[in-house]
Amino acid sequence: MISALTLLLLFQLIGEVVARWLDLPIPGPVIGMLLLFLALAVRGGPTDDLRTTSQNLLQHLSLLFVPAGTGIMVHLHRVADEWPALLLSLLISTFATLVVTALAMKLCLRQPSREETP
């Protein structure tokens, strides 16, 4: 478990370093997650230790929202001041997510499955 957590944190650190070094507008953890995905794709998938550790982290994912919720409560006055922009961004991002998901699903349904091809 320690080695799997170390691996996850190492990729997050690499993502942070890349994001800051290249001055990218993408958060470091997102870059680290992409690099981890690429590494696992090349390697052929996660180890059992990494899979177990990741599943345990996902079971407690709700705990990771506590700091965000606390931050919103601390800065509630800013949310009240900027609610139109927040509402508009939520609506646009929700619509964009629905469109991209629908297009991806349509693309996946068009692809013949491996079982159907001779």
N, C-alpha and C. Protein backbone atom coordinates (compact mmCIF):
# COMPACT_ATOMS: atom_id res chain seq x y z
N MET A 1 0.82 -1.19 0.00
CA MET A 1 0.00 0.00 0.00
C MET A 1 0.87 1.26 0.00
N ILE A 2 1.96 1.24 0.75
CA ILE A 2 2.84 2.40 0.80
C ILE A 2 3.47 2.66 -0.56
N SER A 3 3.86 1.59 -1.25
CA SER A 3 4.47 1.78 -2.57
C SER A 3 3.47 2.33 -3.57
N ALA A 4 2.21 1.90 -3.47
CA ALA A 4 1.18 2.40 -4.39
C ALA A 4 0.88 3.87 -4.10
N LEU A 5 0.78 4.24 -2.82
CA LEU A 5 0.56 5.64 -2.47
C LEU A 5 1.74 6.50 -2.91
N THR A 6 2.93 5.96 -2.75
CA THR A 6 4.12 6.68 -3.20
C THR A 6 4.08 6.90 -4.70
N LEU A 7 3.67 5.89 -5.44
CA LEU A 7 3.57 6.02 -6.89
C LEU A 7 2.55 7.08 -7.27
N LEU A 8 1.39 7.07 -6.63
CA LEU A 8 0.36 8.06 -6.93
C LEU A 8 0.84 9.48 -6.62
N LEU A 9 1.47 9.64 -5.47
CA LEU A 9 1.97 10.96 -5.09
C LEU A 9 3.14 11.40 -5.96
N LEU A 10 3.94 10.45 -6.41
CA LEU A 10 5.05 10.77 -7.29
C LEU A 10 4.55 11.31 -8.63
N PHE A 11 3.53 10.68 -9.18
CA PHE A 11 2.97 11.18 -10.43
C PHE A 11 2.29 12.53 -10.24
N GLN A 12 1.68 12.75 -9.08
CA GLN A 12 1.11 14.06 -8.81
C GLN A 12 2.21 15.11 -8.73
N LEU A 13 3.32 14.77 -8.09
CA LEU A 13 4.44 15.69 -7.99
C LEU A 13 5.02 16.00 -9.37
N ILE A 14 5.18 14.97 -10.18
CA ILE A 14 5.70 15.18 -11.54
C ILE A 14 4.76 16.09 -12.32
N GLY A 15 3.47 15.87 -12.17
CA GLY A 15 2.50 16.74 -12.83
C GLY A 15 2.60 18.18 -12.38
N GLU A 16 2.78 18.40 -11.07
CA GLU A 16 2.94 19.75 -10.54
C GLU A 16 4.20 20.42 -11.11
N VAL A 17 5.28 19.67 -11.15
CA VAL A 17 6.54 20.21 -11.66
C VAL A 17 6.39 20.58 -13.13
N VAL A 18 5.78 19.72 -13.93
CA VAL A 18 5.58 20.00 -15.35
C VAL A 18 4.67 21.21 -15.53
N ALA A 19 3.59 21.29 -14.77
CA ALA A 19 2.65 22.41 -14.91
C ALA A 19 3.32 23.74 -14.56
N ARG A 20 4.11 23.75 -13.52
CA ARG A 20 4.77 25.00 -13.12
C ARG A 20 5.94 25.33 -14.03
N TRP A 21 6.68 24.30 -14.47
CA TRP A 21 7.84 24.53 -15.32
C TRP A 21 7.43 25.08 -16.69
N LEU A 22 6.35 24.52 -17.24
CA LEU A 22 5.87 24.97 -18.54
C LEU A 22 4.82 26.08 -18.44
N ASP A 23 4.49 26.48 -17.21
CA ASP A 23 3.51 27.53 -16.95
C ASP A 23 2.18 27.23 -17.66
N LEU A 24 1.70 26.00 -17.45
CA LEU A 24 0.46 25.55 -18.09
C LEU A 24 -0.76 25.96 -17.26
N PRO A 25 -1.89 26.20 -17.90
CA PRO A 25 -3.11 26.53 -17.15
C PRO A 25 -3.83 25.28 -16.64
N ILE A 26 -3.22 24.12 -16.79
CA ILE A 26 -3.81 22.85 -16.36
C ILE A 26 -3.24 22.51 -14.98
N PRO A 27 -4.08 22.09 -14.04
CA PRO A 27 -3.57 21.74 -12.71
C PRO A 27 -2.59 20.57 -12.77
N GLY A 28 -1.59 20.62 -11.91
CA GLY A 28 -0.57 19.58 -11.86
C GLY A 28 -1.12 18.19 -11.62
N PRO A 29 -2.09 18.01 -10.71
CA PRO A 29 -2.63 16.67 -10.51
C PRO A 29 -3.29 16.08 -11.76
N VAL A 30 -3.87 16.94 -12.59
CA VAL A 30 -4.49 16.45 -13.83
C VAL A 30 -3.41 15.95 -14.78
N ILE A 31 -2.32 16.70 -14.88
CA ILE A 31 -1.20 16.27 -15.72
C ILE A 31 -0.61 14.98 -15.17
N GLY A 32 -0.45 14.91 -13.85
CA GLY A 32 0.06 13.69 -13.23
C GLY A 32 -0.83 12.49 -13.48
N MET A 33 -2.15 12.71 -13.44
CA MET A 33 -3.08 11.62 -13.70
C MET A 33 -2.97 11.14 -15.15
N LEU A 34 -2.79 12.09 -16.08
CA LEU A 34 -2.62 11.73 -17.47
C LEU A 34 -1.32 10.94 -17.67
N LEU A 35 -0.25 11.38 -17.02
CA LEU A 35 1.03 10.66 -17.12
C LEU A 35 0.92 9.26 -16.50
N LEU A 36 0.20 9.14 -15.39
CA LEU A 36 0.00 7.83 -14.77
C LEU A 36 -0.80 6.93 -15.70
N PHE A 37 -1.83 7.48 -16.33
CA PHE A 37 -2.61 6.70 -17.29
C PHE A 37 -1.74 6.20 -18.43
N LEU A 38 -0.92 7.09 -18.98
CA LEU A 38 -0.03 6.69 -20.07
C LEU A 38 0.95 5.62 -19.63
N ALA A 39 1.51 5.77 -18.43
CA ALA A 39 2.45 4.78 -17.92
C ALA A 39 1.77 3.43 -17.73
N LEU A 40 0.55 3.44 -17.21
CA LEU A 40 -0.18 2.18 -17.00
C LEU A 40 -0.60 1.56 -18.32
N ALA A 41 -0.93 2.41 -19.31
CA ALA A 41 -1.31 1.88 -20.63
C ALA A 41 -0.12 1.19 -21.29
N VAL A 42 1.05 1.80 -21.16
CA VAL A 42 2.26 1.21 -21.75
C VAL A 42 2.64 -0.07 -21.00
N ARG A 43 2.46 -0.05 -19.70
CA ARG A 43 2.87 -1.18 -18.85
C ARG A 43 1.89 -2.34 -18.90
N GLY A 44 0.66 -2.07 -19.32
CA GLY A 44 -0.32 -3.14 -19.40
C GLY A 44 -1.31 -3.17 -18.25
N GLY A 45 -1.40 -2.10 -17.50
CA GLY A 45 -2.38 -2.03 -16.41
C GLY A 45 -1.73 -1.91 -15.06
N PRO A 46 -2.55 -1.65 -14.06
CA PRO A 46 -2.03 -1.47 -12.70
C PRO A 46 -1.71 -2.80 -12.02
N THR A 47 -0.83 -2.72 -11.04
CA THR A 47 -0.54 -3.90 -10.23
C THR A 47 -1.70 -4.13 -9.27
N ASP A 48 -1.73 -5.28 -8.65
CA ASP A 48 -2.80 -5.57 -7.68
C ASP A 48 -2.74 -4.60 -6.50
N ASP A 49 -1.51 -4.25 -6.08
CA ASP A 49 -1.35 -3.33 -4.96
C ASP A 49 -1.90 -1.95 -5.30
N LEU A 50 -1.61 -1.46 -6.50
CA LEU A 50 -2.11 -0.16 -6.93
C LEU A 50 -3.62 -0.20 -7.10
N ARG A 51 -4.15 -1.28 -7.63
CA ARG A 51 -5.60 -1.41 -7.81
C ARG A 51 -6.31 -1.41 -6.45
N THR A 52 -5.79 -2.15 -5.50
CA THR A 52 -6.40 -2.21 -4.16
C THR A 52 -6.34 -0.86 -3.47
N THR A 53 -5.19 -0.22 -3.54
CA THR A 53 -5.03 1.10 -2.90
C THR A 53 -5.96 2.12 -3.54
N SER A 54 -6.06 2.11 -4.85
CA SER A 54 -6.93 3.06 -5.55
C SER A 54 -8.39 2.82 -5.18
N GLN A 55 -8.80 1.56 -5.08
CA GLN A 55 -10.18 1.26 -4.71
C GLN A 55 -10.47 1.72 -3.28
N ASN A 56 -9.50 1.57 -2.39
CA ASN A 56 -9.69 2.05 -1.02
C ASN A 56 -9.80 3.56 -0.98
N LEU A 57 -8.99 4.25 -1.78
CA LEU A 57 -9.09 5.71 -1.82
C LEU A 57 -10.43 6.14 -2.39
N LEU A 58 -10.92 5.46 -3.41
CA LEU A 58 -12.19 5.82 -4.02
C LEU A 58 -13.37 5.58 -3.07
N GLN A 59 -13.25 4.59 -2.19
CA GLN A 59 -14.32 4.34 -1.22
C GLN A 59 -14.47 5.50 -0.25
N HIS A 60 -13.38 6.23 -0.02
CA HIS A 60 -13.40 7.36 0.92
C HIS A 60 -13.29 8.69 0.20
N LEU A 61 -13.69 8.73 -1.06
CA LEU A 61 -13.58 9.93 -1.87
C LEU A 61 -14.37 11.10 -1.29
N SER A 62 -15.48 10.81 -0.67
CA SER A 62 -16.31 11.89 -0.12
C SER A 62 -15.56 12.72 0.92
N LEU A 63 -14.61 12.12 1.61
CA LEU A 63 -13.83 12.86 2.60
C LEU A 63 -12.98 13.95 1.95
N LEU A 64 -12.62 13.76 0.70
CA LEU A 64 -11.80 14.74 0.02
C LEU A 64 -12.58 16.01 -0.35
N PHE A 65 -13.91 15.96 -0.25
CA PHE A 65 -14.72 17.14 -0.53
C PHE A 65 -14.91 18.02 0.70
N VAL A 66 -14.51 17.56 1.87
CA VAL A 66 -14.66 18.35 3.09
C VAL A 66 -13.85 19.65 3.02
N PRO A 67 -12.58 19.63 2.60
CA PRO A 67 -11.86 20.91 2.50
C PRO A 67 -12.49 21.88 1.50
N ALA A 68 -12.99 21.37 0.39
CA ALA A 68 -13.64 22.24 -0.60
C ALA A 68 -14.91 22.86 -0.01
N GLY A 69 -15.69 22.06 0.67
CA GLY A 69 -16.90 22.57 1.31
C GLY A 69 -16.59 23.60 2.38
N THR A 70 -15.53 23.36 3.13
CA THR A 70 -15.10 24.32 4.15
C THR A 70 -14.66 25.63 3.50
N GLY A 71 -13.93 25.52 2.39
CA GLY A 71 -13.50 26.72 1.68
C GLY A 71 -14.66 27.54 1.16
N ILE A 72 -15.69 26.86 0.69
CA ILE A 72 -16.89 27.58 0.21
C ILE A 72 -17.56 28.30 1.36
N MET A 73 -17.64 27.65 2.52
CA MET A 73 -18.28 28.30 3.66
C MET A 73 -17.47 29.50 4.15
N VAL A 74 -16.16 29.39 4.09
CA VAL A 74 -15.30 30.50 4.53
C VAL A 74 -15.45 31.69 3.58
N HIS A 75 -15.56 31.40 2.29
CA HIS A 75 -15.64 32.46 1.29
C HIS A 75 -17.05 32.60 0.72
N LEU A 76 -18.05 32.38 1.54
CA LEU A 76 -19.44 32.44 1.09
C LEU A 76 -19.81 33.82 0.57
N HIS A 77 -19.20 34.86 1.14
CA HIS A 77 -19.49 36.22 0.67
C HIS A 77 -19.06 36.41 -0.79
N ARG A 78 -17.98 35.77 -1.20
CA ARG A 78 -17.53 35.85 -2.60
C ARG A 78 -18.50 35.12 -3.51
N VAL A 79 -19.01 33.98 -3.03
CA VAL A 79 -19.99 33.23 -3.82
C VAL A 79 -21.25 34.08 -4.01
N ALA A 80 -21.66 34.77 -2.95
CA ALA A 80 -22.84 35.64 -3.05
C ALA A 80 -22.60 36.79 -4.00
N ASP A 81 -21.38 37.32 -4.04
CA ASP A 81 -21.07 38.44 -4.93
C ASP A 81 -20.96 38.00 -6.39
N GLU A 82 -20.53 36.78 -6.63
CA GLU A 82 -20.23 36.34 -7.99
C GLU A 82 -21.14 35.20 -8.47
N TRP A 83 -22.34 35.11 -7.91
CA TRP A 83 -23.22 33.99 -8.25
C TRP A 83 -23.63 33.96 -9.71
N PRO A 84 -23.83 35.09 -10.41
CA PRO A 84 -24.22 34.96 -11.83
C PRO A 84 -23.13 34.28 -12.67
N ALA A 85 -21.88 34.66 -12.46
CA ALA A 85 -20.79 34.04 -13.22
C ALA A 85 -20.65 32.57 -12.86
N LEU A 86 -20.81 32.23 -11.59
CA LEU A 86 -20.73 30.82 -11.17
C LEU A 86 -21.86 30.00 -11.78
N LEU A 87 -23.06 30.56 -11.76
CA LEU A 87 -24.20 29.85 -12.34
C LEU A 87 -24.02 29.64 -13.84
N LEU A 88 -23.58 30.68 -14.54
CA LEU A 88 -23.36 30.57 -15.98
C LEU A 88 -22.28 29.53 -16.30
N SER A 89 -21.20 29.55 -15.54
CA SER A 89 -20.13 28.57 -15.80
C SER A 89 -20.60 27.15 -15.50
N LEU A 90 -21.41 26.97 -14.47
CA LEU A 90 -21.95 25.64 -14.17
C LEU A 90 -22.88 25.16 -15.28
N LEU A 91 -23.71 26.03 -15.79
CA LEU A 91 -24.63 25.64 -16.86
C LEU A 91 -23.87 25.30 -18.14
N ILE A 92 -22.89 26.13 -18.50
CA ILE A 92 -22.12 25.87 -19.72
C ILE A 92 -21.31 24.59 -19.60
N SER A 93 -20.66 24.40 -18.46
CA SER A 93 -19.84 23.19 -18.29
C SER A 93 -20.71 21.93 -18.24
N THR A 94 -21.90 22.02 -17.65
CA THR A 94 -22.81 20.87 -17.63
C THR A 94 -23.27 20.54 -19.04
N PHE A 95 -23.63 21.54 -19.81
CA PHE A 95 -24.06 21.32 -21.18
C PHE A 95 -22.92 20.74 -22.02
N ALA A 96 -21.73 21.29 -21.86
CA ALA A 96 -20.57 20.78 -22.60
C ALA A 96 -20.28 19.33 -22.24
N THR A 97 -20.40 18.99 -20.98
CA THR A 97 -20.17 17.62 -20.55
C THR A 97 -21.20 16.67 -21.16
N LEU A 98 -22.45 17.09 -21.18
CA LEU A 98 -23.49 16.26 -21.78
C LEU A 98 -23.25 16.04 -23.27
N VAL A 99 -22.84 17.10 -23.98
CA VAL A 99 -22.59 16.98 -25.41
C VAL A 99 -21.41 16.06 -25.69
N VAL A 100 -20.32 16.26 -24.96
CA VAL A 100 -19.13 15.41 -25.17
C VAL A 100 -19.43 13.96 -24.81
N THR A 101 -20.17 13.73 -23.75
CA THR A 101 -20.53 12.37 -23.36
C THR A 101 -21.42 11.72 -24.43
N ALA A 102 -22.37 12.47 -24.94
CA ALA A 102 -23.25 11.92 -25.98
C ALA A 102 -22.46 11.59 -27.25
N LEU A 103 -21.56 12.48 -27.64
CA LEU A 103 -20.74 12.22 -28.82
C LEU A 103 -19.82 11.01 -28.62
N ALA A 104 -19.24 10.90 -27.43
CA ALA A 104 -18.38 9.75 -27.15
C ALA A 104 -19.19 8.46 -27.15
N MET A 105 -20.38 8.49 -26.60
CA MET A 105 -21.24 7.31 -26.60
C MET A 105 -21.64 6.93 -28.01
N LYS A 106 -21.96 7.93 -28.83
CA LYS A 106 -22.33 7.67 -30.22
C LYS A 106 -21.16 7.05 -30.97
N LEU A 107 -19.96 7.55 -30.72
CA LEU A 107 -18.77 7.00 -31.35
C LEU A 107 -18.51 5.56 -30.90
N CYS A 108 -18.70 5.30 -29.64
CA CYS A 108 -18.49 3.95 -29.11
C CYS A 108 -19.51 2.96 -29.67
N LEU A 109 -20.72 3.41 -29.87
CA LEU A 109 -21.75 2.51 -30.40
C LEU A 109 -21.53 2.22 -31.88
N ARG A 110 -20.87 3.10 -32.60
CA ARG A 110 -20.57 2.89 -34.01
C ARG A 110 -19.47 1.87 -34.22
N GLN A 111 -18.54 1.79 -33.30
CA GLN A 111 -17.39 0.89 -33.43
C GLN A 111 -17.86 -0.55 -33.28
N PRO A 112 -17.48 -1.41 -34.24
CA PRO A 112 -17.85 -2.83 -34.05
C PRO A 112 -17.04 -3.42 -32.90
N SER A 113 -17.71 -4.23 -32.12
CA SER A 113 -17.02 -4.83 -31.00
C SER A 113 -16.06 -5.91 -31.51
N ARG A 114 -15.10 -6.27 -30.71
CA ARG A 114 -14.10 -7.26 -31.08
C ARG A 114 -14.72 -8.65 -31.24
N GLU A 115 -15.82 -8.88 -30.54
CA GLU A 115 -16.46 -10.19 -30.61
C GLU A 115 -17.16 -10.41 -31.94
N GLU A 116 -17.64 -9.30 -32.56
CA GLU A 116 -18.38 -9.42 -33.81
C GLU A 116 -17.46 -9.62 -35.01
N THR A 117 -16.23 -9.12 -34.93
CA THR A 117 -15.33 -9.25 -36.07
C THR A 117 -14.76 -10.65 -36.13
N PRO A 118 -14.67 -11.24 -37.34
CA PRO A 118 -14.19 -12.63 -37.45
C PRO A 118 -12.72 -12.73 -37.24
